[in-house]
Structure formats: C-alpha cells, structure tokens
Amino acid sequence: MTALTLRLPDHKHARLKAMAEQRGISLARMLDELTTQALVEFDTETRFMVRASRGAQRTERGIELLNKAQGQTA
C-alpha cells in the first residue's frame, strides 16, 4: 500500500471529514471509496470509447449515448 500526501484547503478537509463521520467511516476509507468510484467510471468510459471506435464509424452516436447515460445534454 502507498501513502499519499494530499494538500487541501482547510474548508474542504473539514467538509470531507464531516462527510466521512456522517457515513460512519474514516476519512481515509471514504477517500479510498471515492477514488475507487472515479477509477471505475474512468475504466468504463475507456472501455466504451474503445468499443465505440470499433463501431463502424458510429463513435458520435456512442458518445451521445454515453452523455445521455451520464445525464448530460447535447
């Protein structure tokens, strides 16, 4: 396991700490969960883009569907 030093403004640290306390977990555990979620989203998007690139030039439609799934409008 690797240790990471993260510099945050005091107000963000306080809010994150309060969020972790509300969830009943440590701040370290919550940050681990948040980074896991971000990596899952990144991996999913990456796999989607690879598949879209194989989709007989339908990349634009694939990106539209991805944006729609993420709640983004065109």
PDB file of N, CA and C in Angstrom:
ATOM      1  N   MET A   1       0.851  -1.177   0.000  1.00  0.00           N
ATOM      2  CA  MET A   1       0.000   0.000   0.000  1.00  0.00           C
ATOM      3  C   MET A   1       0.893   1.234   0.000  1.00  0.00           C
ATOM      4  N   THR A   2       0.430   2.278  -0.652  1.00  0.00           N
ATOM      5  CA  THR A   2       1.188   3.515  -0.756  1.00  0.00           C
ATOM      6  C   THR A   2       0.520   4.612   0.061  1.00  0.00           C
ATOM      7  N   ALA A   3       1.332   5.405   0.714  1.00  0.00           N
ATOM      8  CA  ALA A   3       0.829   6.577   1.429  1.00  0.00           C
ATOM      9  C   ALA A   3       0.830   7.751   0.454  1.00  0.00           C
ATOM     10  N   LEU A   4      -0.145   8.624   0.598  1.00  0.00           N
ATOM     11  CA  LEU A   4      -0.281   9.768  -0.288  1.00  0.00           C
ATOM     12  C   LEU A   4      -0.514  11.012   0.555  1.00  0.00           C
ATOM     13  N   THR A   5       0.240  12.042   0.277  1.00  0.00           N
ATOM     14  CA  THR A   5       0.013  13.331   0.935  1.00  0.00           C
ATOM     15  C   THR A   5      -0.818  14.184   0.002  1.00  0.00           C
ATOM     16  N   LEU A   6      -1.923  14.664   0.513  1.00  0.00           N
ATOM     17  CA  LEU A   6      -2.844  15.458  -0.290  1.00  0.00           C
ATOM     18  C   LEU A   6      -3.031  16.808   0.379  1.00  0.00           C
ATOM     19  N   ARG A   7      -2.769  17.858  -0.339  1.00  0.00           N
ATOM     20  CA  ARG A   7      -2.943  19.211   0.204  1.00  0.00           C
ATOM     21  C   ARG A   7      -4.319  19.730  -0.214  1.00  0.00           C
ATOM     22  N   LEU A   8      -5.103  20.085   0.781  1.00  0.00           N
ATOM     23  CA  LEU A   8      -6.443  20.617   0.550  1.00  0.00           C
ATOM     24  C   LEU A   8      -6.629  21.875   1.374  1.00  0.00           C
ATOM     25  N   PRO A   9      -7.470  22.766   0.903  1.00  0.00           N
ATOM     26  CA  PRO A   9      -7.829  23.897   1.756  1.00  0.00           C
ATOM     27  C   PRO A   9      -8.523  23.374   3.019  1.00  0.00           C
ATOM     28  N   ASP A  10      -8.352  24.095   4.119  1.00  0.00           N
ATOM     29  CA  ASP A  10      -8.933  23.662   5.399  1.00  0.00           C
ATOM     30  C   ASP A  10     -10.435  23.419   5.306  1.00  0.00           C
ATOM     31  N   HIS A  11     -11.148  24.275   4.551  1.00  0.00           N
ATOM     32  CA  HIS A  11     -12.602  24.123   4.493  1.00  0.00           C
ATOM     33  C   HIS A  11     -12.999  22.820   3.787  1.00  0.00           C
ATOM     34  N   LYS A  12     -12.239  22.413   2.786  1.00  0.00           N
ATOM     35  CA  LYS A  12     -12.541  21.147   2.114  1.00  0.00           C
ATOM     36  C   LYS A  12     -12.247  19.972   3.034  1.00  0.00           C
ATOM     37  N   HIS A  13     -11.143  20.041   3.752  1.00  0.00           N
ATOM     38  CA  HIS A  13     -10.795  18.977   4.685  1.00  0.00           C
ATOM     39  C   HIS A  13     -11.898  18.815   5.733  1.00  0.00           C
ATOM     40  N   ALA A  14     -12.360  19.920   6.252  1.00  0.00           N
ATOM     41  CA  ALA A  14     -13.416  19.869   7.278  1.00  0.00           C
ATOM     42  C   ALA A  14     -14.695  19.263   6.713  1.00  0.00           C
ATOM     43  N   ARG A  15     -15.052  19.640   5.512  1.00  0.00           N
ATOM     44  CA  ARG A  15     -16.275  19.099   4.896  1.00  0.00           C
ATOM     45  C   ARG A  15     -16.137  17.609   4.614  1.00  0.00           C
ATOM     46  N   LEU A  16     -14.983  17.190   4.099  1.00  0.00           N
ATOM     47  CA  LEU A  16     -14.761  15.768   3.834  1.00  0.00           C
ATOM     48  C   LEU A  16     -14.775  14.962   5.130  1.00  0.00           C
ATOM     49  N   LYS A  17     -14.172  15.504   6.168  1.00  0.00           N
ATOM     50  CA  LYS A  17     -14.150  14.818   7.466  1.00  0.00           C
ATOM     51  C   LYS A  17     -15.568  14.671   8.011  1.00  0.00           C
ATOM     52  N   ALA A  18     -16.371  15.728   7.887  1.00  0.00           N
ATOM     53  CA  ALA A  18     -17.765  15.669   8.338  1.00  0.00           C
ATOM     54  C   ALA A  18     -18.557  14.647   7.526  1.00  0.00           C
ATOM     55  N   MET A  19     -18.297  14.594   6.242  1.00  0.00           N
ATOM     56  CA  MET A  19     -18.967  13.636   5.369  1.00  0.00           C
ATOM     57  C   MET A  19     -18.637  12.201   5.788  1.00  0.00           C
ATOM     58  N   ALA A  20     -17.369  11.950   6.058  1.00  0.00           N
ATOM     59  CA  ALA A  20     -16.942  10.615   6.493  1.00  0.00           C
ATOM     60  C   ALA A  20     -17.582  10.256   7.833  1.00  0.00           C
ATOM     61  N   GLU A  21     -17.593  11.200   8.747  1.00  0.00           N
ATOM     62  CA  GLU A  21     -18.211  10.949  10.057  1.00  0.00           C
ATOM     63  C   GLU A  21     -19.691  10.628   9.912  1.00  0.00           C
ATOM     64  N   GLN A  22     -20.383  11.348   9.033  1.00  0.00           N
ATOM     65  CA  GLN A  22     -21.804  11.099   8.803  1.00  0.00           C
ATOM     66  C   GLN A  22     -22.025   9.687   8.260  1.00  0.00           C
ATOM     67  N   ARG A  23     -21.088   9.212   7.456  1.00  0.00           N
ATOM     68  CA  ARG A  23     -21.195   7.868   6.884  1.00  0.00           C
ATOM     69  C   ARG A  23     -20.677   6.786   7.835  1.00  0.00           C
ATOM     70  N   GLY A  24     -20.074   7.220   8.939  1.00  0.00           N
ATOM     71  CA  GLY A  24     -19.577   6.268   9.922  1.00  0.00           C
ATOM     72  C   GLY A  24     -18.306   5.540   9.502  1.00  0.00           C
ATOM     73  N   ILE A  25     -17.488   6.208   8.686  1.00  0.00           N
ATOM     74  CA  ILE A  25     -16.227   5.616   8.239  1.00  0.00           C
ATOM     75  C   ILE A  25     -15.110   6.640   8.424  1.00  0.00           C
ATOM     76  N   SER A  26     -13.886   6.141   8.350  1.00  0.00           N
ATOM     77  CA  SER A  26     -12.745   7.057   8.465  1.00  0.00           C
ATOM     78  C   SER A  26     -12.606   7.871   7.192  1.00  0.00           C
ATOM     79  N   LEU A  27     -11.922   8.989   7.313  1.00  0.00           N
ATOM     80  CA  LEU A  27     -11.668   9.832   6.143  1.00  0.00           C
ATOM     81  C   LEU A  27     -10.845   9.065   5.110  1.00  0.00           C
ATOM     82  N   ALA A  28      -9.863   8.296   5.574  1.00  0.00           N
ATOM     83  CA  ALA A  28      -9.041   7.504   4.654  1.00  0.00           C
ATOM     84  C   ALA A  28      -9.895   6.495   3.892  1.00  0.00           C
ATOM     85  N   ARG A  29     -10.806   5.830   4.596  1.00  0.00           N
ATOM     86  CA  ARG A  29     -11.679   4.842   3.955  1.00  0.00           C
ATOM     87  C   ARG A  29     -12.580   5.520   2.920  1.00  0.00           C
ATOM     88  N   MET A  30     -13.123   6.674   3.274  1.00  0.00           N
ATOM     89  CA  MET A  30     -14.003   7.373   2.345  1.00  0.00           C
ATOM     90  C   MET A  30     -13.244   7.808   1.097  1.00  0.00           C
ATOM     91  N   LEU A  31     -12.032   8.326   1.263  1.00  0.00           N
ATOM     92  CA  LEU A  31     -11.234   8.732   0.106  1.00  0.00           C
ATOM     93  C   LEU A  31     -10.884   7.522  -0.754  1.00  0.00           C
ATOM     94  N   ASP A  32     -10.637   6.375  -0.123  1.00  0.00           N
ATOM     95  CA  ASP A  32     -10.390   5.148  -0.876  1.00  0.00           C
ATOM     96  C   ASP A  32     -11.620   4.785  -1.699  1.00  0.00           C
ATOM     97  N   GLU A  33     -12.801   4.872  -1.096  1.00  0.00           N
ATOM     98  CA  GLU A  33     -14.037   4.565  -1.824  1.00  0.00           C
ATOM     99  C   GLU A  33     -14.277   5.545  -2.966  1.00  0.00           C
ATOM    100  N   LEU A  34     -14.028   6.825  -2.737  1.00  0.00           N
ATOM    101  CA  LEU A  34     -14.236   7.835  -3.779  1.00  0.00           C
ATOM    102  C   LEU A  34     -13.270   7.647  -4.945  1.00  0.00           C
ATOM    103  N   THR A  35     -12.014   7.315  -4.640  1.00  0.00           N
ATOM    104  CA  THR A  35     -11.064   7.101  -5.732  1.00  0.00           C
ATOM    105  C   THR A  35     -11.392   5.824  -6.492  1.00  0.00           C
ATOM    106  N   THR A  36     -11.888   4.808  -5.796  1.00  0.00           N
ATOM    107  CA  THR A  36     -12.308   3.580  -6.474  1.00  0.00           C
ATOM    108  C   THR A  36     -13.440   3.880  -7.438  1.00  0.00           C
ATOM    109  N   GLN A  37     -14.409   4.672  -6.991  1.00  0.00           N
ATOM    110  CA  GLN A  37     -15.535   5.043  -7.842  1.00  0.00           C
ATOM    111  C   GLN A  37     -15.055   5.823  -9.068  1.00  0.00           C
ATOM    112  N   ALA A  38     -14.137   6.741  -8.880  1.00  0.00           N
ATOM    113  CA  ALA A  38     -13.616   7.529 -10.000  1.00  0.00           C
ATOM    114  C   ALA A  38     -12.889   6.629 -10.999  1.00  0.00           C
ATOM    115  N   LEU A  39     -12.126   5.659 -10.502  1.00  0.00           N
ATOM    116  CA  LEU A  39     -11.405   4.752 -11.397  1.00  0.00           C
ATOM    117  C   LEU A  39     -12.355   3.829 -12.147  1.00  0.00           C
ATOM    118  N   VAL A  40     -13.404   3.379 -11.504  1.00  0.00           N
ATOM    119  CA  VAL A  40     -14.400   2.542 -12.180  1.00  0.00           C
ATOM    120  C   VAL A  40     -15.050   3.331 -13.308  1.00  0.00           C
ATOM    121  N   GLU A  41     -15.409   4.582 -13.040  1.00  0.00           N
ATOM    122  CA  GLU A  41     -16.001   5.421 -14.082  1.00  0.00           C
ATOM    123  C   GLU A  41     -15.020   5.636 -15.238  1.00  0.00           C
ATOM    124  N   PHE A  42     -13.760   5.885 -14.915  1.00  0.00           N
ATOM    125  CA  PHE A  42     -12.743   6.088 -15.942  1.00  0.00           C
ATOM    126  C   PHE A  42     -12.571   4.830 -16.785  1.00  0.00           C
ATOM    127  N   ASP A  43     -12.470   3.672 -16.128  1.00  0.00           N
ATOM    128  CA  ASP A  43     -12.309   2.407 -16.849  1.00  0.00           C
ATOM    129  C   ASP A  43     -13.513   2.117 -17.738  1.00  0.00           C
ATOM    130  N   THR A  44     -14.700   2.386 -17.237  1.00  0.00           N
ATOM    131  CA  THR A  44     -15.918   2.162 -18.016  1.00  0.00           C
ATOM    132  C   THR A  44     -15.931   3.054 -19.251  1.00  0.00           C
ATOM    133  N   GLU A  45     -15.610   4.315 -19.065  1.00  0.00           N
ATOM    134  CA  GLU A  45     -15.576   5.240 -20.200  1.00  0.00           C
ATOM    135  C   GLU A  45     -14.515   4.821 -21.214  1.00  0.00           C
ATOM    136  N   THR A  46     -13.357   4.400 -20.727  1.00  0.00           N
ATOM    137  CA  THR A  46     -12.283   3.962 -21.616  1.00  0.00           C
ATOM    138  C   THR A  46     -12.714   2.753 -22.435  1.00  0.00           C
ATOM    139  N   ARG A  47     -13.313   1.756 -21.772  1.00  0.00           N
ATOM    140  CA  ARG A  47     -13.787   0.575 -22.499  1.00  0.00           C
ATOM    141  C   ARG A  47     -14.855   0.955 -23.508  1.00  0.00           C
ATOM    142  N   PHE A  48     -15.741   1.858 -23.123  1.00  0.00           N
ATOM    143  CA  PHE A  48     -16.797   2.299 -24.025  1.00  0.00           C
ATOM    144  C   PHE A  48     -16.209   2.973 -25.261  1.00  0.00           C
ATOM    145  N   MET A  49     -15.218   3.826 -25.059  1.00  0.00           N
ATOM    146  CA  MET A  49     -14.608   4.537 -26.183  1.00  0.00           C
ATOM    147  C   MET A  49     -13.898   3.555 -27.123  1.00  0.00           C
ATOM    148  N   VAL A  50     -13.262   2.534 -26.568  1.00  0.00           N
ATOM    149  CA  VAL A  50     -12.619   1.520 -27.409  1.00  0.00           C
ATOM    150  C   VAL A  50     -13.669   0.801 -28.242  1.00  0.00           C
ATOM    151  N   ARG A  51     -14.763   0.396 -27.585  1.00  0.00           N
ATOM    152  CA  ARG A  51     -15.828  -0.289 -28.322  1.00  0.00           C
ATOM    153  C   ARG A  51     -16.470   0.633 -29.350  1.00  0.00           C
ATOM    154  N   ALA A  52     -16.667   1.886 -28.987  1.00  0.00           N
ATOM    155  CA  ALA A  52     -17.277   2.834 -29.920  1.00  0.00           C
ATOM    156  C   ALA A  52     -16.399   3.023 -31.146  1.00  0.00           C
ATOM    157  N   SER A  53     -15.082   3.004 -30.951  1.00  0.00           N
ATOM    158  CA  SER A  53     -14.190   3.189 -32.085  1.00  0.00           C
ATOM    159  C   SER A  53     -14.249   2.007 -33.052  1.00  0.00           C
ATOM    160  N   ARG A  54     -14.706   0.863 -32.563  1.00  0.00           N
ATOM    161  CA  ARG A  54     -14.851  -0.314 -33.419  1.00  0.00           C
ATOM    162  C   ARG A  54     -16.237  -0.369 -34.068  1.00  0.00           C
ATOM    163  N   GLY A  55     -17.083   0.576 -33.764  1.00  0.00           N
ATOM    164  CA  GLY A  55     -18.488   0.520 -34.148  1.00  0.00           C
ATOM    165  C   GLY A  55     -18.814   1.085 -35.503  1.00  0.00           C
ATOM    166  N   ALA A  56     -18.079   0.759 -36.510  1.00  0.00           N
ATOM    167  CA  ALA A  56     -18.381   1.156 -37.895  1.00  0.00           C
ATOM    168  C   ALA A  56     -18.682   2.651 -37.992  1.00  0.00           C
ATOM    169  N   GLN A  57     -17.744   3.441 -37.482  1.00  0.00           N
ATOM    170  CA  GLN A  57     -17.838   4.901 -37.565  1.00  0.00           C
ATOM    171  C   GLN A  57     -19.076   5.458 -36.866  1.00  0.00           C
ATOM    172  N   ARG A  58     -19.510   4.822 -35.785  1.00  0.00           N
ATOM    173  CA  ARG A  58     -20.663   5.295 -35.029  1.00  0.00           C
ATOM    174  C   ARG A  58     -20.235   5.904 -33.699  1.00  0.00           C
ATOM    175  N   THR A  59     -19.019   6.429 -33.660  1.00  0.00           N
ATOM    176  CA  THR A  59     -18.470   6.989 -32.434  1.00  0.00           C
ATOM    177  C   THR A  59     -19.331   8.130 -31.898  1.00  0.00           C
ATOM    178  N   GLU A  60     -19.776   9.010 -32.792  1.00  0.00           N
ATOM    179  CA  GLU A  60     -20.582  10.149 -32.347  1.00  0.00           C
ATOM    180  C   GLU A  60     -21.845   9.685 -31.648  1.00  0.00           C
ATOM    181  N   ARG A  61     -22.519   8.685 -32.203  1.00  0.00           N
ATOM    182  CA  ARG A  61     -23.739   8.158 -31.588  1.00  0.00           C
ATOM    183  C   ARG A  61     -23.415   7.521 -30.231  1.00  0.00           C
ATOM    184  N   GLY A  62     -22.299   6.840 -30.150  1.00  0.00           N
ATOM    185  CA  GLY A  62     -21.886   6.226 -28.894  1.00  0.00           C
ATOM    186  C   GLY A  62     -21.625   7.272 -27.825  1.00  0.00           C
ATOM    187  N   ILE A  63     -20.979   8.357 -28.205  1.00  0.00           N
ATOM    188  CA  ILE A  63     -20.712   9.439 -27.256  1.00  0.00           C
ATOM    189  C   ILE A  63     -22.015  10.089 -26.824  1.00  0.00           C
ATOM    190  N   GLU A  64     -22.965  10.263 -27.752  1.00  0.00           N
ATOM    191  CA  GLU A  64     -24.284  10.798 -27.390  1.00  0.00           C
ATOM    192  C   GLU A  64     -24.945   9.914 -26.347  1.00  0.00           C
ATOM    193  N   LEU A  65     -24.886   8.598 -26.539  1.00  0.00           N
ATOM    194  CA  LEU A  65     -25.496   7.671 -25.585  1.00  0.00           C
ATOM    195  C   LEU A  65     -24.792   7.718 -24.234  1.00  0.00           C
ATOM    196  N   LEU A  66     -23.471   7.825 -24.253  1.00  0.00           N
ATOM    197  CA  LEU A  66     -22.719   7.929 -23.010  1.00  0.00           C
ATOM    198  C   LEU A  66     -23.107   9.194 -22.263  1.00  0.00           C
ATOM    199  N   ASN A  67     -23.179  10.314 -22.962  1.00  0.00           N
ATOM    200  CA  ASN A  67     -23.579  11.573 -22.335  1.00  0.00           C
ATOM    201  C   ASN A  67     -24.995  11.478 -21.781  1.00  0.00           C
ATOM    202  N   LYS A  68     -25.890  10.832 -22.517  1.00  0.00           N
ATOM    203  CA  LYS A  68     -27.258  10.671 -22.045  1.00  0.00           C
ATOM    204  C   LYS A  68     -27.284   9.837 -20.767  1.00  0.00           C
ATOM    205  N   ALA A  69     -26.486   8.772 -20.716  1.00  0.00           N
ATOM    206  CA  ALA A  69     -26.424   7.912 -19.531  1.00  0.00           C
ATOM    207  C   ALA A  69     -25.865   8.671 -18.329  1.00  0.00           C
ATOM    208  N   GLN A  70     -25.002   9.641 -18.584  1.00  0.00           N
ATOM    209  CA  GLN A  70     -24.424  10.446 -17.507  1.00  0.00           C
ATOM    210  C   GLN A  70     -25.288  11.657 -17.167  1.00  0.00           C
ATOM    211  N   GLY A  71     -26.436  11.793 -17.839  1.00  0.00           N
ATOM    212  CA  GLY A  71     -27.340  12.894 -17.556  1.00  0.00           C
ATOM    213  C   GLY A  71     -26.935  14.205 -18.179  1.00  0.00           C
ATOM    214  N   GLN A  72     -26.082  14.153 -19.177  1.00  0.00           N
ATOM    215  CA  GLN A  72     -25.645  15.369 -19.854  1.00  0.00           C
ATOM    216  C   GLN A  72     -26.492  15.585 -21.099  1.00  0.00           C
ATOM    217  N   THR A  73     -26.740  16.843 -21.401  1.00  0.00           N
ATOM    218  CA  THR A  73     -27.474  17.161 -22.613  1.00  0.00           C
ATOM    219  C   THR A  73     -26.517  17.572 -23.704  1.00  0.00           C
ATOM    220  N   ALA A  74     -26.962  17.439 -24.918  1.00  0.00           N
ATOM    221  CA  ALA A  74     -26.100  17.770 -26.071  1.00  0.00           C
ATOM    222  C   ALA A  74     -25.916  19.245 -26.225  1.00  0.00           C
TER     223      ALA A  74
END
